Amino acid sequence: MFNNFVYKVKHFHLTMRMKLTLGFCAVAVALLVSSIISILEFSRMSNYVSDLIAGNIRSINDAQKMAEQSNAYNLSILAVIGDDGQKKSHVPTFNQDDFLLRCDSLKASMSDARALPLADSILYSYSAYMLTSLELPAVLEDEFTDSRDWYFLRLQPKFQRLKSDIDKLSSVFYTELQRNSETFQRGFYRSVIPGVVAVGVGLLLLLLLLFFILAYYVNPIYRMLHGLNDYRSIGRKYSNTFDGDDQLQDLNGGITEITEENLQLRKRLKILREKSGTTE
C-alpha cells in the first residue's frame, strides 16, 4: 500500500485547472492575510491610543473645571469685598471635596512623571490659598483692616500661584495629548503598511501569474494553431513540442497523432488512386 502511495505521489501532475486555481488562490490568500493583519493592527493601536487620548481629554477637562471653580470662588470673594452691604451677610463657600477629588483623579491618570510634582504643587498652592481665604470673615469684621489690601496683597498672589500651577499641569496634558495624537497617526500609517505590501505582493503575483499563463498556455496554443494552419494550408507535418505534463500536453499529443494518421490516410488514398488509374 505504501509503495502504491509513493507511486501515485511521484506520478501526480497538476492539471491546468488546478494550476490556475492555485495561482489565483495564492493571490487571494496574500491579500486576505495582509488585510486581516492591517485590521487587527489598526484595531489594537486605535483602542490603545484612543484610551490614552480620552484620558488626556478628561484630565484637561478636570484641570479646566478646577481652574473655573477656583476662579469663581476668587471672584465671589472680590464681590463681597467690593460690596459693603454684603460683608457681614454673605461669605462665599468653596466645594473643597469636589476640588480635591478632581486633583486626586488627575494624579491617578498621570502617565508622565513630570506631571506628578505639578499635581503636588497644586495641592500646596491650594492649601495656601484656602488658608488665606479663611481669613475673610475676620477681615470683614475688623474695621481696622483694609479688606482690599488684604485681597490684592495677600489673597490674590496665592490665587495667581494656584492658577499658574493648574495652567502648567494643563499644558503637560496638552503636550501628552499632542504626543498621543502623533502616536495615533504613526500607528495608522504603520497599520496601513501591511495593506500596501499586500497590494504590492498581489500585483507581483498577478504579473507572475500572467507571465506563467502566457508562457505555458497562451504561447503554446498559438504555436499549436500556427502548426495546424501550416498543416492545412501547405501540408507541412505538424511537429510542435513543448514542456508540460498537463491537459495541454495531452492535447498537443492528440493533435500530433491525428495529423500523422491523416497524413498516412492521404498517402494511402493517393496510392489507391494511382493504382486505380494504372488499372484503367
Protein backbone atom coordinates (compact mmCIF):
# COMPACT_ATOMS: atom_id res chain seq x y z
CA MET A 1 0.00 0.00 0.00
CA PHE A 2 2.82 2.38 0.87
CA ASN A 3 4.60 1.70 -2.42
CA ASN A 4 1.35 2.35 -4.26
CA PHE A 5 1.00 5.67 -2.43
CA VAL A 6 4.60 6.65 -3.29
CA TYR A 7 3.96 5.76 -6.91
CA LYS A 8 0.87 7.94 -7.02
CA VAL A 9 2.76 10.83 -5.44
CA LYS A 10 5.62 10.56 -7.95
CA HIS A 11 3.25 10.43 -10.89
CA PHE A 12 0.87 13.08 -9.64
CA HIS A 13 0.55 16.03 -12.03
CA LEU A 14 -1.28 19.28 -11.58
CA THR A 15 -3.97 19.91 -14.15
CA MET A 16 -4.48 23.25 -15.92
CA ARG A 17 -7.48 23.99 -13.76
CA MET A 18 -5.55 23.17 -10.59
CA LYS A 19 -2.57 25.32 -11.58
CA LEU A 20 -4.70 28.35 -12.42
CA THR A 21 -6.83 27.86 -9.32
CA LEU A 22 -3.75 27.61 -7.09
CA GLY A 23 -2.27 30.73 -8.66
CA PHE A 24 -5.34 32.88 -8.08
CA CYS A 25 -5.87 31.38 -4.62
CA ALA A 26 -2.30 32.37 -3.68
CA VAL A 27 -3.05 35.97 -4.65
CA ALA A 28 -6.34 35.91 -2.74
CA VAL A 29 -4.73 34.43 0.37
CA ALA A 30 -1.93 37.02 0.34
CA LEU A 31 -4.43 39.87 0.09
CA LEU A 32 -6.72 38.34 2.73
CA VAL A 33 -3.95 37.70 5.26
CA SER A 34 -2.45 41.16 4.86
CA SER A 35 -5.90 42.75 5.15
CA ILE A 36 -6.58 40.86 8.38
CA ILE A 37 -3.19 41.91 9.76
CA SER A 38 -3.91 45.55 8.86
CA ILE A 39 -7.33 45.45 10.50
CA LEU A 40 -6.03 43.80 13.68
CA GLU A 41 -3.06 46.16 13.94
CA PHE A 42 -5.23 49.22 13.39
CA SER A 43 -7.84 47.99 15.88
CA ARG A 44 -5.22 47.27 18.56
CA MET A 45 -3.46 50.58 18.06
CA SER A 46 -6.73 52.51 17.81
CA ASN A 47 -8.12 51.10 21.06
CA TYR A 48 -4.89 51.71 22.97
CA VAL A 49 -4.27 55.25 21.76
CA SER A 50 -7.96 56.16 21.94
CA ASP A 51 -7.98 55.27 25.64
CA LEU A 52 -4.91 57.44 26.19
CA ILE A 53 -6.41 60.36 24.28
CA ALA A 54 -9.73 60.01 26.15
CA GLY A 55 -7.82 60.04 29.45
CA ASN A 56 -5.90 63.16 28.39
CA ILE A 57 -9.14 64.92 27.47
CA ARG A 58 -10.72 64.00 30.81
CA SER A 59 -7.65 65.30 32.64
CA ILE A 60 -7.71 68.56 30.69
CA ASN A 61 -11.42 68.98 31.47
CA ASP A 62 -10.80 68.31 35.16
CA ALA A 63 -7.99 70.86 35.22
CA GLN A 64 -10.18 73.44 33.49
CA LYS A 65 -13.03 72.81 35.93
CA MET A 66 -10.62 73.20 38.85
CA ALA A 67 -9.43 76.50 37.38
CA GLU A 68 -13.03 77.64 36.80
CA GLN A 69 -14.06 76.60 40.29
CA SER A 70 -11.20 78.44 42.00
CA ASN A 71 -11.66 81.49 39.74
CA ALA A 72 -15.39 81.66 40.57
CA TYR A 73 -14.60 81.45 44.28
CA ASN A 74 -11.96 84.15 44.00
CA LEU A 75 -14.33 86.45 42.11
CA SER A 76 -17.07 85.87 44.68
CA ILE A 77 -14.64 86.97 47.42
CA LEU A 78 -13.83 90.07 45.40
CA ALA A 79 -17.55 90.78 45.01
CA VAL A 80 -18.08 90.51 48.77
CA ILE A 81 -15.18 92.87 49.44
CA GLY A 82 -16.39 95.34 46.85
CA ASP A 83 -19.97 95.44 48.20
CA ASP A 84 -20.05 96.79 51.72
CA GLY A 85 -23.67 95.74 52.18
CA GLN A 86 -22.81 92.04 51.83
CA LYS A 87 -19.75 91.98 54.02
CA LYS A 88 -21.48 90.58 57.05
CA SER A 89 -24.40 88.81 55.44
CA HIS A 90 -22.71 86.79 52.69
CA VAL A 91 -19.47 84.82 52.86
CA PRO A 92 -18.76 82.62 49.77
CA THR A 93 -18.19 78.92 50.17
CA PHE A 94 -15.90 76.60 48.24
CA ASN A 95 -16.57 72.92 47.42
CA GLN A 96 -13.27 71.54 48.65
CA ASP A 97 -14.30 67.90 48.30
CA ASP A 98 -15.00 68.27 44.60
CA PHE A 99 -11.75 70.15 44.04
CA LEU A 100 -9.64 67.57 45.89
CA LEU A 101 -11.46 64.71 44.15
CA ARG A 102 -10.56 66.16 40.77
CA CYS A 103 -6.98 66.65 41.90
CA ASP A 104 -6.76 63.01 43.02
CA SER A 105 -8.25 61.94 39.68
CA LEU A 106 -5.57 63.90 37.86
CA LYS A 107 -2.81 62.26 39.89
CA ALA A 108 -4.25 58.79 39.20
CA SER A 109 -4.39 59.38 35.44
CA MET A 110 -0.85 60.71 35.08
CA SER A 111 1.46 58.73 32.82
CA ASP A 112 4.09 61.47 32.55
CA ALA A 113 6.47 61.63 35.52
CA ARG A 114 6.81 65.38 35.05
CA ALA A 115 3.14 65.90 35.92
CA LEU A 116 3.31 64.42 39.44
CA PRO A 117 5.34 67.27 41.02
CA LEU A 118 2.96 69.74 39.36
CA ALA A 119 -0.02 68.00 40.95
CA ASP A 120 1.70 68.24 44.34
CA SER A 121 2.36 71.92 43.67
CA ILE A 122 -1.35 72.42 43.04
CA LEU A 123 -2.14 70.88 46.42
CA TYR A 124 0.41 73.11 48.17
CA SER A 125 -0.74 76.31 46.45
CA TYR A 126 -4.38 75.31 47.01
CA SER A 127 -3.75 74.78 50.72
CA ALA A 128 -2.01 78.16 50.99
CA TYR A 129 -4.83 79.89 49.11
CA MET A 130 -7.59 78.27 51.16
CA LEU A 131 -5.87 79.07 54.46
CA THR A 132 -5.62 82.69 53.41
CA SER A 133 -9.24 82.79 52.18
CA LEU A 134 -10.42 81.53 55.59
CA GLU A 135 -9.27 84.89 56.96
CA LEU A 136 -12.12 86.55 55.05
CA PRO A 137 -14.72 86.57 57.91
CA ALA A 138 -12.22 88.12 60.30
CA VAL A 139 -11.16 90.67 57.69
CA LEU A 140 -14.79 91.66 57.10
CA GLU A 141 -15.43 92.07 60.83
CA ASP A 142 -12.24 94.00 61.55
CA GLU A 143 -12.78 97.66 60.84
CA PHE A 144 -9.08 98.44 61.10
CA THR A 145 -8.07 96.01 58.33
CA ASP A 146 -8.32 97.22 54.76
CA SER A 147 -10.12 94.34 53.02
CA ARG A 148 -8.99 95.46 49.58
CA ASP A 149 -5.35 95.49 50.60
CA TRP A 150 -5.82 92.07 52.14
CA TYR A 151 -7.37 90.79 48.92
CA PHE A 152 -4.80 92.19 46.48
CA LEU A 153 -1.71 91.85 48.65
CA ARG A 154 -2.35 88.55 50.42
CA LEU A 155 -5.07 86.52 48.70
CA GLN A 156 -4.58 87.41 45.03
CA PRO A 157 -0.88 86.38 44.84
CA LYS A 158 -1.75 82.97 46.25
CA PHE A 159 -4.61 82.64 43.79
CA GLN A 160 -2.27 83.54 40.93
CA ARG A 161 0.13 80.85 42.15
CA LEU A 162 -2.69 78.29 42.22
CA LYS A 163 -3.89 79.34 38.77
CA SER A 164 -0.33 79.17 37.40
CA ASP A 165 0.15 75.63 38.76
CA ILE A 166 -3.15 74.48 37.21
CA ASP A 167 -2.17 76.04 33.87
CA LYS A 168 1.22 74.30 33.96
CA LEU A 169 -0.43 70.96 34.63
CA SER A 170 -2.91 71.57 31.80
CA SER A 171 -0.05 72.35 29.43
CA VAL A 172 1.55 69.00 30.33
CA PHE A 173 -1.69 67.21 29.50
CA TYR A 174 -1.97 69.16 26.26
CA THR A 175 1.56 68.09 25.35
CA GLU A 176 0.76 64.49 26.18
CA LEU A 177 -2.43 64.71 24.12
CA GLN A 178 -0.45 66.01 21.16
CA ARG A 179 2.11 63.23 21.58
CA ASN A 180 -0.61 60.57 21.73
CA SER A 181 -2.25 62.06 18.64
CA GLU A 182 1.04 61.83 16.79
CA THR A 183 1.40 58.24 18.03
CA PHE A 184 -2.07 57.51 16.67
CA GLN A 185 -1.09 58.98 13.32
CA ARG A 186 2.13 56.97 13.16
CA GLY A 187 0.25 53.85 14.19
CA PHE A 188 -2.29 54.47 11.46
CA TYR A 189 0.41 54.62 8.81
CA ARG A 190 2.06 51.56 10.34
CA SER A 191 -1.22 49.64 10.16
CA VAL A 192 -1.62 50.67 6.52
CA ILE A 193 1.80 49.26 5.61
CA PRO A 194 0.63 45.59 5.53
CA GLY A 195 -2.18 46.59 3.18
CA VAL A 196 0.25 48.43 0.90
CA VAL A 197 2.63 45.48 0.98
CA ALA A 198 -0.29 43.16 0.23
CA VAL A 199 -1.27 45.20 -2.79
CA GLY A 200 2.33 45.20 -4.00
CA VAL A 201 2.69 41.46 -3.45
CA GLY A 202 -0.68 40.86 -5.07
CA LEU A 203 0.33 42.85 -8.15
CA LEU A 204 3.63 41.00 -8.32
CA LEU A 205 1.87 37.65 -8.04
CA LEU A 206 -0.61 38.68 -10.72
CA LEU A 207 2.26 39.65 -13.03
CA LEU A 208 3.98 36.34 -12.36
CA LEU A 209 0.72 34.50 -12.93
CA LEU A 210 0.18 36.43 -16.15
CA PHE A 211 3.71 35.54 -17.29
CA PHE A 212 3.07 31.90 -16.36
CA ILE A 213 -0.22 31.79 -18.30
CA LEU A 214 1.35 33.47 -21.33
CA ALA A 215 4.45 31.29 -21.31
CA TYR A 216 2.88 27.91 -20.54
CA TYR A 217 -0.62 28.20 -22.03
CA VAL A 218 -1.22 31.11 -24.38
CA ASN A 219 2.03 30.84 -26.39
CA PRO A 220 1.77 27.02 -26.80
CA ILE A 221 -1.82 27.41 -28.00
CA TYR A 222 -0.70 29.97 -30.60
CA ARG A 223 2.09 27.60 -31.69
CA MET A 224 -0.40 24.77 -32.00
CA LEU A 225 -2.72 26.95 -34.10
CA HIS A 226 0.19 28.06 -36.29
CA GLY A 227 1.23 24.41 -36.81
CA LEU A 228 -2.34 23.43 -37.70
CA ASN A 229 -2.60 26.30 -40.20
CA ASP A 230 0.63 25.19 -41.86
CA TYR A 231 -0.62 21.62 -41.94
CA ARG A 232 -3.93 22.56 -43.57
CA SER A 233 -2.59 25.15 -45.99
CA ILE A 234 0.68 23.68 -47.26
CA GLY A 235 0.52 20.17 -45.89
CA ARG A 236 3.55 20.63 -43.63
CA LYS A 237 3.94 17.97 -40.99
CA TYR A 238 2.67 19.04 -37.62
CA SER A 239 5.60 18.93 -35.20
CA ASN A 240 5.08 21.08 -32.16
CA THR A 241 6.73 20.15 -28.84
CA PHE A 242 6.88 21.99 -25.55
CA ASP A 243 7.41 21.17 -21.91
CA GLY A 244 4.45 20.26 -19.81
CA ASP A 245 2.58 17.45 -18.15
CA ASP A 246 -1.00 18.67 -18.13
CA GLN A 247 -4.02 18.59 -20.45
CA LEU A 248 -2.36 20.99 -22.90
CA GLN A 249 0.43 18.50 -23.47
CA ASP A 250 -2.16 15.75 -23.95
CA LEU A 251 -4.00 17.95 -26.43
CA ASN A 252 -0.80 18.59 -28.37
CA GLY A 253 -0.04 14.88 -28.41
CA GLY A 254 -3.54 14.13 -29.65
CA ILE A 255 -3.24 16.70 -32.44
CA THR A 256 0.12 15.27 -33.44
CA GLU A 257 -1.31 11.76 -33.56
CA ILE A 258 -4.39 12.81 -35.54
CA THR A 259 -2.33 14.74 -38.10
CA GLU A 260 0.08 11.83 -38.57
CA GLU A 261 -2.83 9.44 -39.09
CA ASN A 262 -4.36 11.90 -41.51
CA LEU A 263 -1.09 12.08 -43.48
CA GLN A 264 -0.90 8.32 -43.64
CA LEU A 265 -4.51 8.19 -44.82
CA ARG A 266 -3.75 10.72 -47.54
CA LYS A 267 -0.79 8.68 -48.70
CA ARG A 268 -2.91 5.52 -48.88
CA LEU A 269 -5.61 7.34 -50.81
CA LYS A 270 -3.01 8.68 -53.19
CA ILE A 271 -1.57 5.16 -53.72
CA LEU A 272 -5.08 3.73 -54.30
CA ARG A 273 -5.84 6.46 -56.81
CA GLU A 274 -2.59 5.79 -58.64
CA LYS A 275 -3.33 2.03 -58.75
CA SER A 276 -6.84 2.60 -59.96
CA GLY A 277 -5.54 4.93 -62.67
CA THR A 278 -2.93 2.40 -63.78
CA THR A 279 -5.51 -0.39 -63.89
CA GLU A 280 -7.73 1.62 -66.14
